[in-house]
C-alpha atoms as a PDB file:
ATOM      1  CA  UNK A   1      47.488 -30.353 -35.803  1.00  0.00           C
ATOM      2  CA  UNK A   2      45.958 -27.299 -34.171  1.00  0.00           C
ATOM      3  CA  UNK A   3      47.883 -28.002 -30.955  1.00  0.00           C
ATOM      4  CA  UNK A   4      51.151 -28.408 -32.860  1.00  0.00           C
ATOM      5  CA  UNK A   5      50.604 -25.116 -34.663  1.00  0.00           C
ATOM      6  CA  UNK A   6      49.930 -23.364 -31.350  1.00  0.00           C
ATOM      7  CA  UNK A   7      53.146 -24.772 -29.873  1.00  0.00           C
ATOM      8  CA  UNK A   8      55.094 -23.624 -32.922  1.00  0.00           C
ATOM      9  CA  UNK A   9      53.576 -20.163 -32.634  1.00  0.00           C
ATOM     10  CA  UNK A  10      54.564 -19.978 -28.975  1.00  0.00           C
ATOM     11  CA  UNK A  11      58.092 -21.049 -29.879  1.00  0.00           C
ATOM     12  CA  UNK A  12      58.319 -18.333 -32.528  1.00  0.00           C
ATOM     13  CA  UNK A  13      57.112 -15.760 -30.009  1.00  0.00           C
ATOM     14  CA  UNK A  14      59.720 -16.912 -27.488  1.00  0.00           C
ATOM     15  CA  UNK A  15      62.381 -16.423 -30.115  1.00  0.00           C
ATOM     16  CA  UNK A  16      61.115 -12.925 -30.914  1.00  0.00           C
ATOM     17  CA  UNK A  17      60.475 -11.985 -27.294  1.00  0.00           C
ATOM     18  CA  UNK A  18      63.175 -13.116 -24.846  1.00  0.00           C
ATOM     19  CA  UNK A  19      60.933 -12.733 -21.783  1.00  0.00           C
ATOM     20  CA  UNK A  20      59.411 -15.911 -20.363  1.00  0.00           C
ATOM     21  CA  UNK A  21      55.642 -16.374 -20.081  1.00  0.00           C
ATOM     22  CA  UNK A  22      55.826 -15.283 -16.444  1.00  0.00           C
ATOM     23  CA  UNK A  23      57.992 -12.336 -17.418  1.00  0.00           C
ATOM     24  CA  UNK A  24      55.504 -11.192 -20.038  1.00  0.00           C
ATOM     25  CA  UNK A  25      52.654 -11.601 -17.563  1.00  0.00           C
ATOM     26  CA  UNK A  26      54.443  -9.492 -14.951  1.00  0.00           C
ATOM     27  CA  UNK A  27      55.382  -6.869 -17.538  1.00  0.00           C
ATOM     28  CA  UNK A  28      51.798  -6.695 -18.791  1.00  0.00           C
ATOM     29  CA  UNK A  29      50.330  -6.247 -15.325  1.00  0.00           C
ATOM     30  CA  UNK A  30      52.969  -3.629 -14.477  1.00  0.00           C
ATOM     31  CA  UNK A  31      52.096  -1.745 -17.657  1.00  0.00           C
ATOM     32  CA  UNK A  32      48.407  -1.912 -16.772  1.00  0.00           C
ATOM     33  CA  UNK A  33      49.079  -0.625 -13.240  1.00  0.00           C
ATOM     34  CA  UNK A  34      51.084   2.292 -14.617  1.00  0.00           C
ATOM     35  CA  UNK A  35      48.459   3.112 -17.257  1.00  0.00           C
ATOM     36  CA  UNK A  36      45.553   2.923 -14.808  1.00  0.00           C
ATOM     37  CA  UNK A  37      47.383   5.161 -12.323  1.00  0.00           C
ATOM     38  CA  UNK A  38      47.912   7.795 -15.021  1.00  0.00           C
ATOM     39  CA  UNK A  39      44.340   7.419 -16.233  1.00  0.00           C
ATOM     40  CA  UNK A  40      42.707   7.895 -12.847  1.00  0.00           C
ATOM     41  CA  UNK A  41      45.097  10.319 -11.167  1.00  0.00           C
ATOM     42  CA  UNK A  42      45.298  12.888 -13.971  1.00  0.00           C
ATOM     43  CA  UNK A  43      42.680  15.684 -14.275  1.00  0.00           C
ATOM     44  CA  UNK A  44      39.128  14.419 -14.732  1.00  0.00           C
ATOM     45  CA  UNK A  45      38.371  16.425 -17.865  1.00  0.00           C
ATOM     46  CA  UNK A  46      40.008  13.970 -20.308  1.00  0.00           C
ATOM     47  CA  UNK A  47      39.431  10.800 -18.344  1.00  0.00           C
ATOM     48  CA  UNK A  48      37.602   8.900 -21.086  1.00  0.00           C
ATOM     49  CA  UNK A  49      40.180   9.852 -23.693  1.00  0.00           C
ATOM     50  CA  UNK A  50      42.910   8.443 -21.455  1.00  0.00           C
ATOM     51  CA  UNK A  51      40.806   5.368 -20.664  1.00  0.00           C
ATOM     52  CA  UNK A  52      40.306   4.724 -24.368  1.00  0.00           C
ATOM     53  CA  UNK A  53      44.046   4.970 -25.008  1.00  0.00           C
ATOM     54  CA  UNK A  54      44.750   2.654 -22.087  1.00  0.00           C
ATOM     55  CA  UNK A  55      42.263   0.162 -23.464  1.00  0.00           C
ATOM     56  CA  UNK A  56      43.802   0.308 -26.927  1.00  0.00           C
ATOM     57  CA  UNK A  57      47.295  -0.335 -25.541  1.00  0.00           C
ATOM     58  CA  UNK A  58      46.267  -3.200 -23.257  1.00  0.00           C
ATOM     59  CA  UNK A  59      44.070  -4.772 -25.909  1.00  0.00           C
ATOM     60  CA  UNK A  60      47.009  -4.717 -28.306  1.00  0.00           C
ATOM     61  CA  UNK A  61      49.223  -6.382 -25.681  1.00  0.00           C
ATOM     62  CA  UNK A  62      46.669  -9.179 -25.375  1.00  0.00           C
ATOM     63  CA  UNK A  63      46.348  -9.690 -29.128  1.00  0.00           C
ATOM     64  CA  UNK A  64      50.122  -9.751 -29.620  1.00  0.00           C
ATOM     65  CA  UNK A  65      50.679 -12.308 -26.863  1.00  0.00           C
ATOM     66  CA  UNK A  66      47.641 -14.552 -27.315  1.00  0.00           C
ATOM     67  CA  UNK A  67      47.231 -15.533 -31.000  1.00  0.00           C
ATOM     68  CA  UNK A  68      43.905 -17.296 -30.340  1.00  0.00           C
ATOM     69  CA  UNK A  69      42.322 -13.918 -29.542  1.00  0.00           C
ATOM     70  CA  UNK A  70      42.911 -12.629 -33.064  1.00  0.00           C
ATOM     71  CA  UNK A  71      40.290 -14.786 -34.738  1.00  0.00           C
ATOM     72  CA  UNK A  72      37.151 -14.383 -32.631  1.00  0.00           C
ATOM     73  CA  UNK A  73      33.650 -14.890 -34.036  1.00  0.00           C
ATOM     74  CA  UNK A  74      30.477 -13.819 -32.250  1.00  0.00           C
ATOM     75  CA  UNK A  75      27.565 -16.269 -32.415  1.00  0.00           C
ATOM     76  CA  UNK A  76      23.920 -15.907 -31.399  1.00  0.00           C
ATOM     77  CA  UNK A  77      24.619 -18.012 -28.323  1.00  0.00           C
ATOM     78  CA  UNK A  78      27.469 -15.650 -27.382  1.00  0.00           C
ATOM     79  CA  UNK A  79      25.085 -12.698 -27.578  1.00  0.00           C
ATOM     80  CA  UNK A  80      22.436 -14.469 -25.495  1.00  0.00           C
ATOM     81  CA  UNK A  81      24.944 -15.540 -22.840  1.00  0.00           C
ATOM     82  CA  UNK A  82      26.492 -12.070 -22.774  1.00  0.00           C
ATOM     83  CA  UNK A  83      23.152 -10.309 -22.374  1.00  0.00           C
ATOM     84  CA  UNK A  84      21.978 -12.660 -19.628  1.00  0.00           C
ATOM     85  CA  UNK A  85      25.228 -12.409 -17.665  1.00  0.00           C
ATOM     86  CA  UNK A  86      25.283  -8.605 -18.001  1.00  0.00           C
ATOM     87  CA  UNK A  87      21.726  -8.385 -16.657  1.00  0.00           C
ATOM     88  CA  UNK A  88      22.613 -10.577 -13.681  1.00  0.00           C
ATOM     89  CA  UNK A  89      25.713  -8.526 -12.882  1.00  0.00           C
ATOM     90  CA  UNK A  90      23.686  -5.318 -13.084  1.00  0.00           C
ATOM     91  CA  UNK A  91      21.267  -6.786 -10.530  1.00  0.00           C
ATOM     92  CA  UNK A  92      24.189  -7.647  -8.258  1.00  0.00           C
ATOM     93  CA  UNK A  93      25.454  -4.066  -8.501  1.00  0.00           C
ATOM     94  CA  UNK A  94      22.019  -2.658  -7.732  1.00  0.00           C
ATOM     95  CA  UNK A  95      22.025  -4.615  -4.470  1.00  0.00           C
ATOM     96  CA  UNK A  96      25.639  -3.614  -3.808  1.00  0.00           C
ATOM     97  CA  UNK A  97      24.797   0.051  -4.402  1.00  0.00           C
ATOM     98  CA  UNK A  98      21.987  -0.138  -1.834  1.00  0.00           C
ATOM     99  CA  UNK A  99      24.245  -1.531   0.882  1.00  0.00           C
ATOM    100  CA  UNK A 100      27.313   0.558  -0.003  1.00  0.00           C
ATOM    101  CA  UNK A 101      25.365   3.780   0.494  1.00  0.00           C
ATOM    102  CA  UNK A 102      24.159   2.627   3.915  1.00  0.00           C
ATOM    103  CA  UNK A 103      27.139   0.739   5.321  1.00  0.00           C
ATOM    104  CA  UNK A 104      30.316   2.350   3.982  1.00  0.00           C
ATOM    105  CA  UNK A 105      31.304   5.689   5.572  1.00  0.00           C
ATOM    106  CA  UNK A 106      31.852   7.311   2.165  1.00  0.00           C
ATOM    107  CA  UNK A 107      29.649   4.996   0.157  1.00  0.00           C
ATOM    108  CA  UNK A 108      27.449   7.632  -1.433  1.00  0.00           C
ATOM    109  CA  UNK A 109      30.334  10.050  -2.061  1.00  0.00           C
ATOM    110  CA  UNK A 110      32.456   7.320  -3.674  1.00  0.00           C
ATOM    111  CA  UNK A 111      29.627   6.218  -5.958  1.00  0.00           C
ATOM    112  CA  UNK A 112      28.899   9.765  -7.054  1.00  0.00           C
ATOM    113  CA  UNK A 113      32.612  10.357  -7.702  1.00  0.00           C
ATOM    114  CA  UNK A 114      32.649   7.422 -10.113  1.00  0.00           C
ATOM    115  CA  UNK A 115      29.700   8.829 -12.037  1.00  0.00           C
ATOM    116  CA  UNK A 116      31.233  12.287 -12.029  1.00  0.00           C
ATOM    117  CA  UNK A 117      33.883  10.855 -14.355  1.00  0.00           C
ATOM    118  CA  UNK A 118      31.295  10.956 -17.123  1.00  0.00           C
ATOM    119  CA  UNK A 119      31.792  14.705 -17.226  1.00  0.00           C
ATOM    120  CA  UNK A 120      30.301  16.376 -20.259  1.00  0.00           C
ATOM    121  CA  UNK A 121      30.706  13.396 -22.578  1.00  0.00           C
ATOM    122  CA  UNK A 122      27.629  12.810 -24.722  1.00  0.00           C
ATOM    123  CA  UNK A 123      25.884   9.495 -24.297  1.00  0.00           C
ATOM    124  CA  UNK A 124      26.608   8.432 -27.871  1.00  0.00           C
ATOM    125  CA  UNK A 125      30.317   9.292 -27.704  1.00  0.00           C
ATOM    126  CA  UNK A 126      30.778   7.514 -24.384  1.00  0.00           C
ATOM    127  CA  UNK A 127      28.811   4.477 -25.583  1.00  0.00           C
ATOM    128  CA  UNK A 128      31.077   4.256 -28.624  1.00  0.00           C
ATOM    129  CA  UNK A 129      34.210   4.354 -26.462  1.00  0.00           C
ATOM    130  CA  UNK A 130      32.823   1.679 -24.138  1.00  0.00           C
ATOM    131  CA  UNK A 131      31.543  -0.610 -26.879  1.00  0.00           C
ATOM    132  CA  UNK A 132      34.310  -0.308 -29.451  1.00  0.00           C
ATOM    133  CA  UNK A 133      37.453  -0.062 -27.322  1.00  0.00           C
ATOM    134  CA  UNK A 134      37.236  -0.076 -23.527  1.00  0.00           C
ATOM    135  CA  UNK A 135      34.905  -3.018 -22.872  1.00  0.00           C
ATOM    136  CA  UNK A 136      36.429  -5.400 -25.455  1.00  0.00           C
ATOM    137  CA  UNK A 137      39.987  -4.416 -24.508  1.00  0.00           C
ATOM    138  CA  UNK A 138      39.429  -5.100 -20.812  1.00  0.00           C
ATOM    139  CA  UNK A 139      38.175  -8.612 -21.513  1.00  0.00           C
ATOM    140  CA  UNK A 140      40.940  -9.330 -24.013  1.00  0.00           C
ATOM    141  CA  UNK A 141      43.588  -8.176 -21.550  1.00  0.00           C
ATOM    142  CA  UNK A 142      42.331  -9.264 -18.127  1.00  0.00           C
ATOM    143  CA  UNK A 143      40.607 -12.521 -18.997  1.00  0.00           C
ATOM    144  CA  UNK A 144      42.199 -13.302 -22.359  1.00  0.00           C
ATOM    145  CA  UNK A 145      45.798 -12.491 -21.456  1.00  0.00           C
ATOM    146  CA  UNK A 146      46.295 -12.151 -17.691  1.00  0.00           C
ATOM    147  CA  UNK A 147      43.954 -14.881 -16.459  1.00  0.00           C
ATOM    148  CA  UNK A 148      44.798 -17.349 -19.234  1.00  0.00           C
ATOM    149  CA  UNK A 149      48.525 -16.889 -18.887  1.00  0.00           C
ATOM    150  CA  UNK A 150      48.458 -17.000 -15.088  1.00  0.00           C
ATOM    151  CA  UNK A 151      46.397 -20.196 -15.286  1.00  0.00           C
ATOM    152  CA  UNK A 152      48.918 -21.782 -17.650  1.00  0.00           C
ATOM    153  CA  UNK A 153      51.792 -20.874 -15.338  1.00  0.00           C
ATOM    154  CA  UNK A 154      50.311 -21.462 -11.884  1.00  0.00           C
ATOM    155  CA  UNK A 155      47.293 -23.673 -12.538  1.00  0.00           C
ATOM    156  CA  UNK A 156      43.637 -22.810 -13.078  1.00  0.00           C
ATOM    157  CA  UNK A 157      42.660 -21.969  -9.500  1.00  0.00           C
ATOM    158  CA  UNK A 158      45.651 -19.773  -8.689  1.00  0.00           C
ATOM    159  CA  UNK A 159      45.535 -18.199 -12.128  1.00  0.00           C
ATOM    160  CA  UNK A 160      41.938 -17.139 -11.649  1.00  0.00           C
ATOM    161  CA  UNK A 161      42.745 -15.572  -8.269  1.00  0.00           C
ATOM    162  CA  UNK A 162      45.770 -13.773  -9.694  1.00  0.00           C
ATOM    163  CA  UNK A 163      43.646 -12.348 -12.513  1.00  0.00           C
ATOM    164  CA  UNK A 164      41.030 -10.992 -10.113  1.00  0.00           C
ATOM    165  CA  UNK A 165      43.625  -9.647  -7.671  1.00  0.00           C
ATOM    166  CA  UNK A 166      45.511  -7.841 -10.434  1.00  0.00           C
ATOM    167  CA  UNK A 167      42.316  -6.319 -11.834  1.00  0.00           C
ATOM    168  CA  UNK A 168      41.336  -5.027  -8.403  1.00  0.00           C
ATOM    169  CA  UNK A 169      44.856  -3.834  -7.539  1.00  0.00           C
ATOM    170  CA  UNK A 170      45.220  -1.539 -10.550  1.00  0.00           C
ATOM    171  CA  UNK A 171      42.199   0.406  -9.259  1.00  0.00           C
ATOM    172  CA  UNK A 172      43.843   1.144  -5.899  1.00  0.00           C
ATOM    173  CA  UNK A 173      45.388   4.454  -7.067  1.00  0.00           C
ATOM    174  CA  UNK A 174      41.865   5.840  -7.413  1.00  0.00           C
ATOM    175  CA  UNK A 175      41.600   5.986  -3.627  1.00  0.00           C
ATOM    176  CA  UNK A 176      37.926   5.115  -4.097  1.00  0.00           C
ATOM    177  CA  UNK A 177      36.950   2.143  -1.918  1.00  0.00           C
ATOM    178  CA  UNK A 178      33.673   1.574  -3.740  1.00  0.00           C
ATOM    179  CA  UNK A 179      35.398   1.519  -7.130  1.00  0.00           C
ATOM    180  CA  UNK A 180      38.011  -0.967  -5.891  1.00  0.00           C
ATOM    181  CA  UNK A 181      35.232  -3.119  -4.459  1.00  0.00           C
ATOM    182  CA  UNK A 182      33.268  -2.877  -7.706  1.00  0.00           C
ATOM    183  CA  UNK A 183      36.339  -3.926  -9.703  1.00  0.00           C
ATOM    184  CA  UNK A 184      36.822  -6.885  -7.367  1.00  0.00           C
ATOM    185  CA  UNK A 185      33.204  -8.006  -7.760  1.00  0.00           C
ATOM    186  CA  UNK A 186      33.119  -7.516 -11.532  1.00  0.00           C
ATOM    187  CA  UNK A 187      36.543  -9.112 -11.990  1.00  0.00           C
ATOM    188  CA  UNK A 188      35.521 -12.093  -9.878  1.00  0.00           C
ATOM    189  CA  UNK A 189      32.280 -12.443 -11.837  1.00  0.00           C
ATOM    190  CA  UNK A 190      33.791 -12.359 -15.318  1.00  0.00           C
ATOM    191  CA  UNK A 191      36.789 -14.367 -14.117  1.00  0.00           C
ATOM    192  CA  UNK A 192      34.484 -17.112 -12.841  1.00  0.00           C
ATOM    193  CA  UNK A 193      32.576 -17.126 -16.120  1.00  0.00           C
ATOM    194  CA  UNK A 194      35.837 -17.396 -18.061  1.00  0.00           C
ATOM    195  CA  UNK A 195      37.025 -20.228 -15.806  1.00  0.00           C
ATOM    196  CA  UNK A 196      33.699 -21.998 -16.332  1.00  0.00           C
ATOM    197  CA  UNK A 197      34.235 -21.920 -20.075  1.00  0.00           C
ATOM    198  CA  UNK A 198      32.342 -18.875 -21.307  1.00  0.00           C
ATOM    199  CA  UNK A 199      33.735 -17.820 -24.673  1.00  0.00           C
ATOM    200  CA  UNK A 200      35.670 -14.605 -25.122  1.00  0.00           C
ATOM    201  CA  UNK A 201      33.030 -13.134 -27.500  1.00  0.00           C
ATOM    202  CA  UNK A 202      30.336 -13.763 -24.856  1.00  0.00           C
ATOM    203  CA  UNK A 203      32.504 -12.154 -22.175  1.00  0.00           C
ATOM    204  CA  UNK A 204      33.037  -9.122 -24.392  1.00  0.00           C
ATOM    205  CA  UNK A 205      29.293  -8.800 -25.036  1.00  0.00           C
ATOM    206  CA  UNK A 206      28.663  -9.086 -21.291  1.00  0.00           C
ATOM    207  CA  UNK A 207      31.237  -6.424 -20.425  1.00  0.00           C
ATOM    208  CA  UNK A 208      30.118  -3.981 -23.108  1.00  0.00           C
ATOM    209  CA  UNK A 209      26.408  -4.311 -22.315  1.00  0.00           C
ATOM    210  CA  UNK A 210      27.025  -3.977 -18.585  1.00  0.00           C
ATOM    211  CA  UNK A 211      29.212  -0.891 -19.112  1.00  0.00           C
ATOM    212  CA  UNK A 212      26.569   0.824 -21.220  1.00  0.00           C
ATOM    213  CA  UNK A 213      23.761  -0.037 -18.803  1.00  0.00           C
ATOM    214  CA  UNK A 214      25.582   0.948 -15.609  1.00  0.00           C
ATOM    215  CA  UNK A 215      26.998   4.205 -17.009  1.00  0.00           C
ATOM    216  CA  UNK A 216      24.329   5.385 -19.440  1.00  0.00           C
ATOM    217  CA  UNK A 217      21.057   3.491 -19.553  1.00  0.00           C
ATOM    218  CA  UNK A 218      20.246   2.891 -15.879  1.00  0.00           C
ATOM    219  CA  UNK A 219      22.997   4.333 -13.674  1.00  0.00           C
ATOM    220  CA  UNK A 220      22.689   3.846  -9.922  1.00  0.00           C
ATOM    221  CA  UNK A 221      23.659   7.441  -9.196  1.00  0.00           C
ATOM    222  CA  UNK A 222      20.905   9.513  -7.637  1.00  0.00           C
ATOM    223  CA  UNK A 223      21.494  12.227 -10.202  1.00  0.00           C
ATOM    224  CA  UNK A 224      20.895   9.608 -12.917  1.00  0.00           C
END
């Protein structure tokens, strides 16, 4: 019965929204590319305000288009899996930071530019933005909407690649090679976990915890 209800819900959405599944996917990614370009290319001073608004918009797109995302419940196992995966990803980024600073021509400058985006935001205010809006919204949109929909349209393997490629591509306007590389690594990591069956609540916990650690608790910047 659950499958029948899902099919009926999809039919109702098709009637309300004339775009096909592929059309909605393309429109969503285009919206994300536009929003990320505005977020990163505008003056640095209000970066996190713009990022929060971008997250709110993209998260809403995901919730509107994927009904299953509206009724999530976080379990103890989700928290454990999220914490463990966040810790592992942080370790991967520590190693990546070491090599980026030594191998890439602008490795150190690019890394410091990313951390400069923190500006004068207080730790508590930034943590709230990351935990309540930005982190959850990115998982809902990129893994919950883009990767799921691309996998339904093109098959699991291609869908996973499309999700990672789109996530990396929207960071290109930053002009920061390290940030694009970081988005590719993080997107591949969470995309692989999603493809392997990790629940959305666990992915959200992982993303939020990693964001808070990498930006606030134990940043890799030398100033930090």
